[in-house]
Amino acid sequence: MTAPITVGFDLDLTLVDSRPGIAATYRALTERTGVYIDAEAASRRLGPPLDVELALWFPPDEVEIAGEMYRQLYPRTAVETSPALPGVAPALAAVRARLGRVIVITGKYEPNARLHLTHLGLAADAVVGWAWADGKVEAMLEHGVGVYVGDHPADMAAARGAGATAVGVLTGDYPAEQLVESGAHVVLPDLTGFPAWLDGHLGDQRMSVGLAGRDR
């Protein structure tokens, strides 16, 4: 029998369609600071840390202050306007039905990530925020993640770097070809197909273990 699996999930555009809320937060930040931000464009560049986007609009010495203001605005402007994406609850339930653990690993500020999960009634065994690129690799290794699900090419590369199975979803802005080129082992349209895929994945693992036992 294989050990229970740990599955990591990205948050933005994997579990949650946070684009409407993020755009609203950028508009609120413009109102607060007087600095124009193209909110629609910014909300379609999700993935890298917030400071990367803010650096396109603010002078270097103002990025940190703008980031703190954004994080303070976010709970009021973004959480209730960001719905769960299709298949999210059944996907998490599928992991738990197999006695697995759910870890959310995201580039978002961790307290705000937790607000999304609470608002949507989604439970995670751990949440790691402000994780991007090598930070995601470290988080996956720390928590023993065997499968990581994300919408961004960098998610696929991080999963590969951590030795995890990389599952891409097309609920973000990247096509299947780009996710595969970045390391995805499999690409799903959204999370509705994840329970069936997980069944097959764990079945393959059990079969491999059984064959290895007979070889000995």
N, C-alpha and C. Protein backbone atom coordinates (compact mmCIF):
# COMPACT_ATOMS: atom_id res chain seq x y z
N MET A 1 0.85 -1.20 0.00
CA MET A 1 0.00 0.00 0.00
C MET A 1 0.88 1.24 0.00
N THR A 2 0.58 2.22 -0.87
CA THR A 2 1.36 3.44 -0.93
C THR A 2 0.98 4.37 0.21
N ALA A 3 1.95 5.24 0.58
CA ALA A 3 1.68 6.22 1.63
C ALA A 3 0.68 7.25 1.13
N PRO A 4 -0.10 7.86 2.02
CA PRO A 4 -1.03 8.92 1.61
C PRO A 4 -0.28 10.03 0.87
N ILE A 5 -0.88 10.56 -0.16
CA ILE A 5 -0.23 11.55 -1.00
C ILE A 5 -0.46 12.96 -0.47
N THR A 6 0.49 13.84 -0.71
CA THR A 6 0.33 15.26 -0.42
C THR A 6 0.24 16.01 -1.74
N VAL A 7 -0.84 16.76 -1.92
CA VAL A 7 -1.08 17.49 -3.16
C VAL A 7 -1.01 18.98 -2.87
N GLY A 8 -0.18 19.65 -3.63
CA GLY A 8 -0.09 21.11 -3.54
C GLY A 8 -0.90 21.77 -4.63
N PHE A 9 -1.50 22.90 -4.28
CA PHE A 9 -2.28 23.67 -5.25
C PHE A 9 -1.82 25.12 -5.22
N ASP A 10 -1.68 25.71 -6.40
CA ASP A 10 -1.58 27.15 -6.51
C ASP A 10 -2.95 27.73 -6.15
N LEU A 11 -3.01 29.04 -5.91
CA LEU A 11 -4.29 29.66 -5.54
C LEU A 11 -4.91 30.42 -6.71
N ASP A 12 -4.28 31.53 -7.10
CA ASP A 12 -4.85 32.39 -8.15
C ASP A 12 -4.95 31.65 -9.48
N LEU A 13 -6.15 31.60 -10.02
CA LEU A 13 -6.47 31.02 -11.32
C LEU A 13 -6.30 29.50 -11.35
N THR A 14 -6.07 28.90 -10.19
CA THR A 14 -6.07 27.44 -10.06
C THR A 14 -7.24 27.02 -9.18
N LEU A 15 -7.31 27.61 -7.98
CA LEU A 15 -8.45 27.37 -7.10
C LEU A 15 -9.47 28.50 -7.17
N VAL A 16 -8.99 29.72 -7.36
CA VAL A 16 -9.84 30.91 -7.24
C VAL A 16 -9.67 31.80 -8.46
N ASP A 17 -10.79 32.27 -9.00
CA ASP A 17 -10.72 33.28 -10.06
C ASP A 17 -10.63 34.64 -9.39
N SER A 18 -9.42 35.02 -9.06
CA SER A 18 -9.20 36.25 -8.30
C SER A 18 -9.01 37.47 -9.18
N ARG A 19 -9.10 37.31 -10.49
CA ARG A 19 -8.88 38.46 -11.37
C ARG A 19 -9.83 39.63 -11.10
N PRO A 20 -11.15 39.39 -10.93
CA PRO A 20 -12.02 40.54 -10.66
C PRO A 20 -11.63 41.28 -9.38
N GLY A 21 -11.31 40.54 -8.33
CA GLY A 21 -10.94 41.17 -7.08
C GLY A 21 -9.61 41.88 -7.14
N ILE A 22 -8.65 41.28 -7.84
CA ILE A 22 -7.34 41.92 -7.98
C ILE A 22 -7.47 43.21 -8.79
N ALA A 23 -8.26 43.17 -9.87
CA ALA A 23 -8.47 44.39 -10.65
C ALA A 23 -9.12 45.48 -9.79
N ALA A 24 -10.09 45.09 -8.96
CA ALA A 24 -10.74 46.06 -8.09
C ALA A 24 -9.75 46.65 -7.09
N THR A 25 -8.84 45.83 -6.61
CA THR A 25 -7.84 46.32 -5.65
C THR A 25 -6.88 47.29 -6.32
N TYR A 26 -6.49 47.01 -7.54
CA TYR A 26 -5.62 47.96 -8.26
C TYR A 26 -6.34 49.28 -8.50
N ARG A 27 -7.62 49.21 -8.82
CA ARG A 27 -8.37 50.46 -9.02
C ARG A 27 -8.45 51.25 -7.71
N ALA A 28 -8.65 50.54 -6.60
CA ALA A 28 -8.69 51.21 -5.30
C ALA A 28 -7.34 51.82 -4.96
N LEU A 29 -6.27 51.13 -5.35
CA LEU A 29 -4.92 51.65 -5.10
C LEU A 29 -4.68 52.92 -5.92
N THR A 30 -5.18 52.95 -7.15
CA THR A 30 -5.08 54.15 -7.97
C THR A 30 -5.80 55.32 -7.31
N GLU A 31 -7.01 55.04 -6.80
CA GLU A 31 -7.77 56.10 -6.12
C GLU A 31 -7.04 56.60 -4.89
N ARG A 32 -6.41 55.70 -4.16
CA ARG A 32 -5.73 56.07 -2.92
C ARG A 32 -4.44 56.84 -3.19
N THR A 33 -3.70 56.46 -4.22
CA THR A 33 -2.36 57.04 -4.45
C THR A 33 -2.34 58.10 -5.55
N GLY A 34 -3.33 58.09 -6.44
CA GLY A 34 -3.30 58.98 -7.58
C GLY A 34 -2.40 58.49 -8.70
N VAL A 35 -1.82 57.31 -8.55
CA VAL A 35 -0.95 56.73 -9.58
C VAL A 35 -1.78 55.79 -10.46
N TYR A 36 -1.82 56.07 -11.76
CA TYR A 36 -2.62 55.24 -12.65
C TYR A 36 -2.02 53.85 -12.78
N ILE A 37 -2.88 52.84 -12.65
CA ILE A 37 -2.53 51.43 -12.89
C ILE A 37 -3.58 50.87 -13.84
N ASP A 38 -3.15 50.25 -14.91
CA ASP A 38 -4.09 49.58 -15.81
C ASP A 38 -4.53 48.29 -15.11
N ALA A 39 -5.64 48.36 -14.42
CA ALA A 39 -6.07 47.26 -13.56
C ALA A 39 -6.36 45.99 -14.34
N GLU A 40 -6.96 46.12 -15.51
CA GLU A 40 -7.30 44.93 -16.29
C GLU A 40 -6.04 44.24 -16.78
N ALA A 41 -5.08 45.02 -17.25
CA ALA A 41 -3.82 44.43 -17.72
C ALA A 41 -3.07 43.79 -16.56
N ALA A 42 -3.01 44.48 -15.44
CA ALA A 42 -2.28 43.96 -14.28
C ALA A 42 -2.90 42.67 -13.77
N SER A 43 -4.22 42.59 -13.81
CA SER A 43 -4.89 41.39 -13.29
C SER A 43 -4.74 40.19 -14.21
N ARG A 44 -4.18 40.40 -15.38
CA ARG A 44 -3.94 39.28 -16.30
C ARG A 44 -2.47 38.89 -16.32
N ARG A 45 -1.70 39.47 -15.39
CA ARG A 45 -0.28 39.09 -15.30
C ARG A 45 -0.02 38.44 -13.94
N LEU A 46 -0.90 37.56 -13.54
CA LEU A 46 -0.78 36.96 -12.22
C LEU A 46 0.27 35.86 -12.22
N GLY A 47 0.89 35.70 -11.08
CA GLY A 47 1.93 34.68 -10.94
C GLY A 47 3.12 35.23 -10.18
N PRO A 48 3.90 36.13 -10.81
CA PRO A 48 5.06 36.70 -10.12
C PRO A 48 4.65 37.52 -8.89
N PRO A 49 5.59 37.80 -8.00
CA PRO A 49 5.29 38.57 -6.80
C PRO A 49 4.68 39.94 -7.12
N LEU A 50 3.87 40.44 -6.20
CA LEU A 50 3.19 41.71 -6.37
C LEU A 50 4.15 42.85 -6.71
N ASP A 51 5.31 42.87 -6.07
CA ASP A 51 6.26 43.97 -6.29
C ASP A 51 6.71 44.06 -7.74
N VAL A 52 6.71 42.94 -8.45
CA VAL A 52 7.10 42.95 -9.86
C VAL A 52 6.12 43.80 -10.66
N GLU A 53 4.82 43.64 -10.39
CA GLU A 53 3.80 44.44 -11.08
C GLU A 53 3.85 45.89 -10.64
N LEU A 54 3.95 46.12 -9.34
CA LEU A 54 3.95 47.50 -8.85
C LEU A 54 5.13 48.29 -9.36
N ALA A 55 6.23 47.62 -9.62
CA ALA A 55 7.42 48.31 -10.14
C ALA A 55 7.19 48.87 -11.54
N LEU A 56 6.16 48.39 -12.24
CA LEU A 56 5.82 48.95 -13.55
C LEU A 56 5.13 50.30 -13.45
N TRP A 57 4.61 50.63 -12.26
CA TRP A 57 3.78 51.82 -12.09
C TRP A 57 4.34 52.81 -11.07
N PHE A 58 5.14 52.34 -10.13
CA PHE A 58 5.64 53.20 -9.06
C PHE A 58 7.17 53.30 -9.12
N PRO A 59 7.72 54.44 -8.71
CA PRO A 59 9.18 54.54 -8.59
C PRO A 59 9.70 53.51 -7.59
N PRO A 60 10.95 53.09 -7.73
CA PRO A 60 11.49 52.04 -6.85
C PRO A 60 11.32 52.31 -5.36
N ASP A 61 11.45 53.58 -4.96
CA ASP A 61 11.38 53.88 -3.53
C ASP A 61 9.94 53.93 -3.00
N GLU A 62 8.95 53.74 -3.89
CA GLU A 62 7.56 53.75 -3.47
C GLU A 62 6.88 52.38 -3.57
N VAL A 63 7.59 51.40 -4.14
CA VAL A 63 6.99 50.08 -4.37
C VAL A 63 6.61 49.41 -3.05
N GLU A 64 7.48 49.47 -2.06
CA GLU A 64 7.19 48.80 -0.79
C GLU A 64 5.96 49.39 -0.11
N ILE A 65 5.85 50.71 -0.11
CA ILE A 65 4.69 51.36 0.51
C ILE A 65 3.42 51.03 -0.26
N ALA A 66 3.51 51.04 -1.59
CA ALA A 66 2.35 50.72 -2.42
C ALA A 66 1.91 49.27 -2.18
N GLY A 67 2.87 48.38 -2.00
CA GLY A 67 2.55 46.98 -1.75
C GLY A 67 1.82 46.80 -0.43
N GLU A 68 2.27 47.51 0.59
CA GLU A 68 1.61 47.41 1.89
C GLU A 68 0.20 47.97 1.82
N MET A 69 0.02 49.04 1.07
CA MET A 69 -1.31 49.63 0.90
C MET A 69 -2.23 48.66 0.15
N TYR A 70 -1.69 48.02 -0.89
CA TYR A 70 -2.46 47.04 -1.65
C TYR A 70 -2.93 45.91 -0.74
N ARG A 71 -2.04 45.39 0.09
CA ARG A 71 -2.39 44.27 0.97
C ARG A 71 -3.44 44.67 2.00
N GLN A 72 -3.41 45.93 2.41
CA GLN A 72 -4.42 46.41 3.36
C GLN A 72 -5.78 46.57 2.69
N LEU A 73 -5.78 46.99 1.44
CA LEU A 73 -7.03 47.17 0.70
C LEU A 73 -7.67 45.84 0.31
N TYR A 74 -6.85 44.85 0.08
CA TYR A 74 -7.27 43.59 -0.54
C TYR A 74 -8.44 42.90 0.15
N PRO A 75 -8.44 42.74 1.47
CA PRO A 75 -9.56 42.02 2.09
C PRO A 75 -10.93 42.63 1.80
N ARG A 76 -10.98 43.95 1.66
CA ARG A 76 -12.26 44.62 1.40
C ARG A 76 -12.65 44.62 -0.07
N THR A 77 -11.66 44.55 -0.95
CA THR A 77 -11.96 44.72 -2.38
C THR A 77 -11.92 43.43 -3.18
N ALA A 78 -11.26 42.39 -2.68
CA ALA A 78 -10.99 41.24 -3.53
C ALA A 78 -11.60 39.93 -3.08
N VAL A 79 -11.80 39.73 -1.79
CA VAL A 79 -12.15 38.39 -1.32
C VAL A 79 -13.55 37.97 -1.74
N GLU A 80 -14.53 38.82 -1.49
CA GLU A 80 -15.92 38.44 -1.79
C GLU A 80 -16.22 38.45 -3.28
N THR A 81 -15.38 39.09 -4.07
CA THR A 81 -15.63 39.18 -5.52
C THR A 81 -14.88 38.11 -6.30
N SER A 82 -14.22 37.18 -5.62
CA SER A 82 -13.39 36.16 -6.28
C SER A 82 -14.00 34.77 -6.07
N PRO A 83 -14.66 34.21 -7.09
CA PRO A 83 -15.31 32.90 -6.92
C PRO A 83 -14.32 31.75 -7.05
N ALA A 84 -14.73 30.60 -6.54
CA ALA A 84 -13.98 29.37 -6.77
C ALA A 84 -14.11 28.98 -8.24
N LEU A 85 -13.08 28.37 -8.77
CA LEU A 85 -13.11 27.89 -10.14
C LEU A 85 -13.81 26.52 -10.20
N PRO A 86 -14.21 26.07 -11.39
CA PRO A 86 -14.95 24.81 -11.50
C PRO A 86 -14.17 23.63 -10.94
N GLY A 87 -14.87 22.80 -10.17
CA GLY A 87 -14.30 21.55 -9.70
C GLY A 87 -13.40 21.63 -8.50
N VAL A 88 -13.30 22.81 -7.88
CA VAL A 88 -12.33 22.97 -6.78
C VAL A 88 -12.70 22.10 -5.57
N ALA A 89 -13.91 22.23 -5.07
CA ALA A 89 -14.29 21.49 -3.87
C ALA A 89 -14.17 19.97 -4.09
N PRO A 90 -14.67 19.41 -5.20
CA PRO A 90 -14.49 17.98 -5.42
C PRO A 90 -13.02 17.56 -5.54
N ALA A 91 -12.18 18.44 -6.09
CA ALA A 91 -10.75 18.10 -6.22
C ALA A 91 -10.10 17.96 -4.85
N LEU A 92 -10.39 18.92 -3.95
CA LEU A 92 -9.83 18.82 -2.61
C LEU A 92 -10.41 17.62 -1.87
N ALA A 93 -11.70 17.38 -2.06
CA ALA A 93 -12.34 16.24 -1.41
C ALA A 93 -11.73 14.92 -1.90
N ALA A 94 -11.34 14.87 -3.17
CA ALA A 94 -10.74 13.65 -3.72
C ALA A 94 -9.42 13.34 -3.03
N VAL A 95 -8.64 14.37 -2.73
CA VAL A 95 -7.38 14.16 -2.03
C VAL A 95 -7.65 13.62 -0.63
N ARG A 96 -8.60 14.22 0.05
CA ARG A 96 -8.91 13.80 1.43
C ARG A 96 -9.53 12.40 1.46
N ALA A 97 -10.30 12.05 0.44
CA ALA A 97 -10.90 10.72 0.39
C ALA A 97 -9.84 9.63 0.31
N ARG A 98 -8.66 10.02 -0.16
CA ARG A 98 -7.54 9.08 -0.26
C ARG A 98 -6.56 9.27 0.90
N LEU A 99 -7.06 9.93 1.98
CA LEU A 99 -6.27 10.19 3.19
C LEU A 99 -5.07 11.08 2.91
N GLY A 100 -5.17 11.88 1.85
CA GLY A 100 -4.08 12.76 1.49
C GLY A 100 -4.15 14.11 2.18
N ARG A 101 -3.11 14.90 1.99
CA ARG A 101 -3.01 16.24 2.56
C ARG A 101 -3.08 17.27 1.44
N VAL A 102 -3.71 18.41 1.73
CA VAL A 102 -3.84 19.52 0.79
C VAL A 102 -2.98 20.67 1.28
N ILE A 103 -2.05 21.12 0.44
CA ILE A 103 -1.18 22.24 0.77
C ILE A 103 -1.37 23.31 -0.31
N VAL A 104 -1.71 24.52 0.08
CA VAL A 104 -1.80 25.63 -0.86
C VAL A 104 -0.49 26.40 -0.83
N ILE A 105 0.15 26.51 -1.98
CA ILE A 105 1.43 27.20 -2.11
C ILE A 105 1.26 28.28 -3.16
N THR A 106 1.35 29.53 -2.75
CA THR A 106 0.97 30.65 -3.59
C THR A 106 1.93 31.82 -3.45
N GLY A 107 1.98 32.64 -4.48
CA GLY A 107 2.76 33.87 -4.40
C GLY A 107 2.04 34.97 -3.66
N LYS A 108 0.79 34.75 -3.29
CA LYS A 108 0.01 35.78 -2.61
C LYS A 108 0.41 35.89 -1.14
N TYR A 109 0.21 37.06 -0.57
CA TYR A 109 0.38 37.31 0.85
C TYR A 109 -0.46 36.30 1.62
N GLU A 110 0.18 35.55 2.51
CA GLU A 110 -0.49 34.41 3.13
C GLU A 110 -1.79 34.75 3.85
N PRO A 111 -1.86 35.81 4.67
CA PRO A 111 -3.14 36.11 5.33
C PRO A 111 -4.28 36.33 4.34
N ASN A 112 -3.99 36.98 3.20
CA ASN A 112 -5.05 37.19 2.21
C ASN A 112 -5.42 35.88 1.50
N ALA A 113 -4.44 35.01 1.29
CA ALA A 113 -4.75 33.70 0.72
C ALA A 113 -5.69 32.93 1.64
N ARG A 114 -5.43 32.99 2.93
CA ARG A 114 -6.29 32.30 3.90
C ARG A 114 -7.70 32.88 3.90
N LEU A 115 -7.81 34.19 3.69
CA LEU A 115 -9.14 34.80 3.63
C LEU A 115 -9.96 34.23 2.47
N HIS A 116 -9.31 34.04 1.32
CA HIS A 116 -10.00 33.43 0.18
C HIS A 116 -10.51 32.04 0.54
N LEU A 117 -9.65 31.23 1.12
CA LEU A 117 -10.03 29.86 1.44
C LEU A 117 -11.18 29.83 2.44
N THR A 118 -11.10 30.68 3.46
CA THR A 118 -12.17 30.73 4.47
C THR A 118 -13.48 31.18 3.84
N HIS A 119 -13.43 32.22 3.02
CA HIS A 119 -14.64 32.74 2.38
C HIS A 119 -15.32 31.67 1.53
N LEU A 120 -14.53 30.83 0.86
CA LEU A 120 -15.08 29.82 -0.04
C LEU A 120 -15.31 28.48 0.65
N GLY A 121 -14.99 28.40 1.93
CA GLY A 121 -15.20 27.16 2.66
C GLY A 121 -14.26 26.05 2.24
N LEU A 122 -13.04 26.42 1.85
CA LEU A 122 -12.05 25.44 1.41
C LEU A 122 -11.00 25.26 2.51
N ALA A 123 -10.73 24.02 2.88
CA ALA A 123 -9.78 23.75 3.96
C ALA A 123 -8.48 23.22 3.39
N ALA A 124 -7.37 23.72 3.94
CA ALA A 124 -6.04 23.23 3.57
C ALA A 124 -5.31 22.83 4.84
N ASP A 125 -4.46 21.83 4.72
CA ASP A 125 -3.66 21.41 5.87
C ASP A 125 -2.54 22.39 6.16
N ALA A 126 -2.11 23.13 5.15
CA ALA A 126 -1.11 24.19 5.34
C ALA A 126 -1.25 25.17 4.19
N VAL A 127 -0.90 26.41 4.46
CA VAL A 127 -0.88 27.45 3.43
C VAL A 127 0.49 28.13 3.49
N VAL A 128 1.15 28.20 2.34
CA VAL A 128 2.44 28.87 2.24
C VAL A 128 2.28 30.03 1.27
N GLY A 129 2.49 31.24 1.77
CA GLY A 129 2.37 32.42 0.94
C GLY A 129 3.71 33.01 0.54
N TRP A 130 3.64 33.97 -0.38
CA TRP A 130 4.82 34.65 -0.91
C TRP A 130 5.84 33.67 -1.46
N ALA A 131 5.36 32.60 -2.07
CA ALA A 131 6.24 31.58 -2.63
C ALA A 131 6.19 31.66 -4.15
N TRP A 132 7.33 31.83 -4.76
CA TRP A 132 7.42 31.94 -6.21
C TRP A 132 8.72 31.30 -6.66
N ALA A 133 8.70 30.60 -7.79
CA ALA A 133 9.89 30.00 -8.37
C ALA A 133 10.58 29.09 -7.34
N ASP A 134 11.83 29.42 -6.97
CA ASP A 134 12.55 28.57 -6.01
C ASP A 134 11.83 28.48 -4.67
N GLY A 135 11.08 29.53 -4.32
CA GLY A 135 10.31 29.50 -3.08
C GLY A 135 9.25 28.41 -3.10
N LYS A 136 8.65 28.19 -4.26
CA LYS A 136 7.67 27.11 -4.37
C LYS A 136 8.36 25.75 -4.30
N VAL A 137 9.54 25.65 -4.90
CA VAL A 137 10.28 24.39 -4.83
C VAL A 137 10.58 24.06 -3.36
N GLU A 138 11.06 25.04 -2.62
CA GLU A 138 11.39 24.82 -1.21
C GLU A 138 10.16 24.40 -0.40
N ALA A 139 9.02 25.06 -0.66
CA ALA A 139 7.80 24.73 0.07
C ALA A 139 7.34 23.31 -0.25
N MET A 140 7.43 22.92 -1.52
CA MET A 140 7.03 21.56 -1.90
C MET A 140 7.91 20.52 -1.22
N LEU A 141 9.21 20.78 -1.20
CA LEU A 141 10.13 19.84 -0.56
C LEU A 141 9.87 19.78 0.95
N GLU A 142 9.62 20.92 1.55
CA GLU A 142 9.38 20.96 2.99
C GLU A 142 8.15 20.16 3.39
N HIS A 143 7.11 20.23 2.57
CA HIS A 143 5.85 19.57 2.91
C HIS A 143 5.68 18.21 2.24
N GLY A 144 6.68 17.77 1.51
CA GLY A 144 6.60 16.45 0.89
C GLY A 144 5.55 16.35 -0.20
N VAL A 145 5.41 17.40 -1.00
CA VAL A 145 4.39 17.43 -2.05
C VAL A 145 4.76 16.45 -3.17
N GLY A 146 3.83 15.56 -3.49
CA GLY A 146 4.05 14.60 -4.56
C GLY A 146 3.41 14.99 -5.87
N VAL A 147 2.37 15.84 -5.79
CA VAL A 147 1.67 16.36 -6.97
C VAL A 147 1.46 17.86 -6.74
N TYR A 148 1.75 18.67 -7.76
CA TYR A 148 1.47 20.10 -7.63
C TYR A 148 0.64 20.54 -8.83
N VAL A 149 -0.41 21.30 -8.53
CA VAL A 149 -1.37 21.74 -9.55
C VAL A 149 -1.30 23.25 -9.68
N GLY A 150 -1.12 23.74 -10.91
CA GLY A 150 -1.07 25.19 -11.13
C GLY A 150 -1.41 25.55 -12.55
N ASP A 151 -1.58 26.84 -12.77
CA ASP A 151 -1.96 27.34 -14.09
C ASP A 151 -0.82 28.02 -14.83
N HIS A 152 0.31 28.24 -14.16
CA HIS A 152 1.39 29.06 -14.70
C HIS A 152 2.58 28.18 -15.11
N PRO A 153 3.26 28.52 -16.21
CA PRO A 153 4.45 27.75 -16.58
C PRO A 153 5.47 27.63 -15.45
N ALA A 154 5.61 28.69 -14.66
CA ALA A 154 6.56 28.64 -13.55
C ALA A 154 6.13 27.62 -12.50
N ASP A 155 4.83 27.36 -12.37
CA ASP A 155 4.35 26.32 -11.45
C ASP A 155 4.83 24.95 -11.91
N MET A 156 4.79 24.73 -13.22
CA MET A 156 5.21 23.44 -13.76
C MET A 156 6.71 23.24 -13.56
N ALA A 157 7.48 24.29 -13.79
CA ALA A 157 8.92 24.20 -13.59
C ALA A 157 9.26 23.96 -12.13
N ALA A 158 8.53 24.62 -11.22
CA ALA A 158 8.78 24.44 -9.78
C ALA A 158 8.45 23.02 -9.36
N ALA A 159 7.34 22.48 -9.85
CA ALA A 159 6.97 21.11 -9.51
C ALA A 159 8.06 20.13 -9.95
N ARG A 160 8.53 20.31 -11.18
CA ARG A 160 9.62 19.47 -11.67
C ARG A 160 10.86 19.61 -10.79
N GLY A 161 11.16 20.84 -10.40
CA GLY A 161 12.32 21.08 -9.56
C GLY A 161 12.23 20.41 -8.21
N ALA A 162 11.01 20.20 -7.74
CA ALA A 162 10.80 19.55 -6.44
C ALA A 162 10.60 18.04 -6.58
N GLY A 163 10.66 17.54 -7.81
CA GLY A 163 10.45 16.11 -8.03
C GLY A 163 9.00 15.69 -7.91
N ALA A 164 8.07 16.65 -8.05
CA ALA A 164 6.64 16.36 -7.95
C ALA A 164 6.04 16.18 -9.35
N THR A 165 4.92 15.49 -9.41
CA THR A 165 4.17 15.40 -10.66
C THR A 165 3.50 16.74 -10.92
N ALA A 166 3.75 17.31 -12.09
CA ALA A 166 3.25 18.64 -12.44
C ALA A 166 1.94 18.52 -13.20
N VAL A 167 0.87 19.06 -12.63
CA VAL A 167 -0.45 19.04 -13.26
C VAL A 167 -0.83 20.47 -13.63
N GLY A 168 -0.97 20.74 -14.91
CA GLY A 168 -1.38 22.06 -15.36
C GLY A 168 -2.88 22.13 -15.55
N VAL A 169 -3.44 23.32 -15.30
CA VAL A 169 -4.85 23.57 -15.59
C VAL A 169 -4.95 24.79 -16.49
N LEU A 170 -5.96 24.79 -17.35
CA LEU A 170 -6.10 25.85 -18.36
C LEU A 170 -7.02 26.97 -17.91
N THR A 171 -7.15 27.16 -16.60
CA THR A 171 -7.99 28.22 -16.06
C THR A 171 -7.24 29.54 -15.94
N GLY A 172 -5.97 29.53 -16.29
CA GLY A 172 -5.19 30.77 -16.33
C GLY A 172 -5.08 31.28 -17.75
N ASP A 173 -3.97 31.91 -18.06
CA ASP A 173 -3.80 32.56 -19.37
C ASP A 173 -2.80 31.84 -20.27
N TYR A 174 -2.45 30.60 -19.94
CA TYR A 174 -1.40 29.91 -20.68
C TYR A 174 -1.95 28.67 -21.36
N PRO A 175 -1.57 28.44 -22.63
CA PRO A 175 -2.08 27.27 -23.36
C PRO A 175 -1.38 26.00 -22.91
N ALA A 176 -2.00 24.88 -23.26
CA ALA A 176 -1.46 23.58 -22.87
C ALA A 176 -0.03 23.39 -23.36
N GLU A 177 0.24 23.84 -24.59
CA GLU A 177 1.57 23.65 -25.15
C GLU A 177 2.65 24.30 -24.30
N GLN A 178 2.36 25.51 -23.80
CA GLN A 178 3.35 26.21 -22.99
C GLN A 178 3.53 25.54 -21.63
N LEU A 179 2.45 25.03 -21.06
CA LEU A 179 2.56 24.32 -19.78
C LEU A 179 3.38 23.04 -19.95
N VAL A 180 3.15 22.33 -21.05
CA VAL A 180 3.91 21.10 -21.30
C VAL A 180 5.38 21.42 -21.52
N GLU A 181 5.65 22.45 -22.29
CA GLU A 181 7.05 22.85 -22.52
C GLU A 181 7.75 23.21 -21.22
N SER A 182 6.99 23.69 -20.23
CA SER A 182 7.57 24.09 -18.95
C SER A 182 7.66 22.94 -17.96
N GLY A 183 7.14 21.77 -18.35
CA GLY A 183 7.32 20.61 -17.50
C GLY A 183 6.07 19.87 -17.08
N ALA A 184 4.89 20.30 -17.51
CA ALA A 184 3.66 19.62 -17.09
C ALA A 184 3.66 18.16 -17.54
N HIS A 185 3.34 17.26 -16.61
CA HIS A 185 3.16 15.86 -16.96
C HIS A 185 1.79 15.63 -17.59
N VAL A 186 0.82 16.44 -17.17
CA VAL A 186 -0.55 16.33 -17.67
C VAL A 186 -1.18 17.71 -17.60
N VAL A 187 -2.10 18.00 -18.52
CA VAL A 187 -2.82 19.28 -18.52
C VAL A 187 -4.31 18.98 -18.56
N LEU A 188 -5.05 19.59 -17.63
CA LEU A 188 -6.50 19.43 -17.55
C LEU A 188 -7.18 20.76 -17.89
N PRO A 189 -8.38 20.72 -18.47
CA PRO A 189 -9.08 21.97 -18.74
C PRO A 189 -9.33 22.78 -17.46
N ASP A 190 -9.73 22.08 -16.40
CA ASP A 190 -9.92 22.70 -15.09
C ASP A 190 -9.90 21.56 -14.06
N LEU A 191 -10.28 21.84 -12.84
CA LEU A 191 -10.16 20.84 -11.79
C LEU A 191 -11.28 19.80 -11.77
N THR A 192 -12.27 19.94 -12.65
CA THR A 192 -13.36 18.96 -12.64
C THR A 192 -12.85 17.56 -12.98
N GLY A 193 -11.81 17.47 -13.77
CA GLY A 193 -11.27 16.17 -14.14
C GLY A 193 -10.20 15.66 -13.19
N PHE A 194 -9.89 16.44 -12.15
CA PHE A 194 -8.79 16.05 -11.28
C PHE A 194 -9.05 14.77 -10.48
N PRO A 195 -10.25 14.55 -9.90
CA PRO A 195 -10.47 13.31 -9.15
C PRO A 195 -10.23 12.06 -9.98
N ALA A 196 -10.71 12.05 -11.22
CA ALA A 196 -10.51 10.89 -12.08
C ALA A 196 -9.03 10.73 -12.41
N TRP A 197 -8.36 11.85 -12.68
CA TRP A 197 -6.92 11.76 -12.97
C TRP A 197 -6.17 11.22 -11.75
N LEU A 198 -6.52 11.69 -10.55
CA LEU A 198 -5.84 11.24 -9.34
C LEU A 198 -6.05 9.74 -9.13
N ASP A 199 -7.25 9.26 -9.40
CA ASP A 199 -7.51 7.82 -9.31
C ASP A 199 -6.53 7.05 -10.20
N GLY A 200 -6.41 7.52 -11.44
CA GLY A 200 -5.50 6.85 -12.37
C GLY A 200 -4.05 6.96 -11.93
N HIS A 201 -3.67 8.13 -11.45
CA HIS A 201 -2.29 8.35 -11.02
C HIS A 201 -1.93 7.44 -9.85
N LEU A 202 -2.79 7.37 -8.86
CA LEU A 202 -2.51 6.54 -7.70
C LEU A 202 -2.60 5.06 -8.05
N GLY A 203 -3.48 4.74 -9.00
CA GLY A 203 -3.55 3.36 -9.46
C GLY A 203 -2.26 2.93 -10.13
N ASP A 204 -1.69 3.84 -10.94
CA ASP A 204 -0.41 3.55 -11.59
C ASP A 204 0.68 3.36 -10.56
N GLN A 205 0.66 4.20 -9.51
CA GLN A 205 1.67 4.07 -8.46
C GLN A 205 1.55 2.73 -7.76
N ARG A 206 0.31 2.32 -7.44
CA ARG A 206 0.11 1.05 -6.75
C ARG A 206 0.58 -0.12 -7.62
N MET A 207 0.31 0.00 -8.94
CA MET A 207 0.73 -1.06 -9.85
C MET A 207 2.25 -1.15 -9.89
N SER A 208 2.93 0.02 -9.90
CA SER A 208 4.39 0.03 -9.93
C SER A 208 4.96 -0.61 -8.68
N VAL A 209 4.36 -0.30 -7.52
CA VAL A 209 4.83 -0.87 -6.27
C VAL A 209 4.64 -2.38 -6.28
N GLY A 210 3.50 -2.85 -6.78
CA GLY A 210 3.24 -4.28 -6.83
C GLY A 210 4.22 -5.01 -7.72
N LEU A 211 4.52 -4.44 -8.88
CA LEU A 211 5.46 -5.06 -9.80
C LEU A 211 6.86 -5.09 -9.20
N ALA A 212 7.23 -4.00 -8.51
CA ALA A 212 8.55 -3.95 -7.90
C ALA A 212 8.67 -5.02 -6.82
N GLY A 213 7.58 -5.25 -6.07
CA GLY A 213 7.60 -6.27 -5.04
C GLY A 213 7.81 -7.66 -5.63
N ARG A 214 7.17 -7.94 -6.77
CA ARG A 214 7.34 -9.25 -7.39
C ARG A 214 8.75 -9.43 -7.95
N ASP A 215 9.32 -8.32 -8.45
CA ASP A 215 10.68 -8.41 -8.98
C ASP A 215 11.67 -8.83 -7.91
N ARG A 216 11.44 -8.35 -6.66
CA ARG A 216 12.34 -8.73 -5.57
C ARG A 216 12.17 -10.21 -5.23
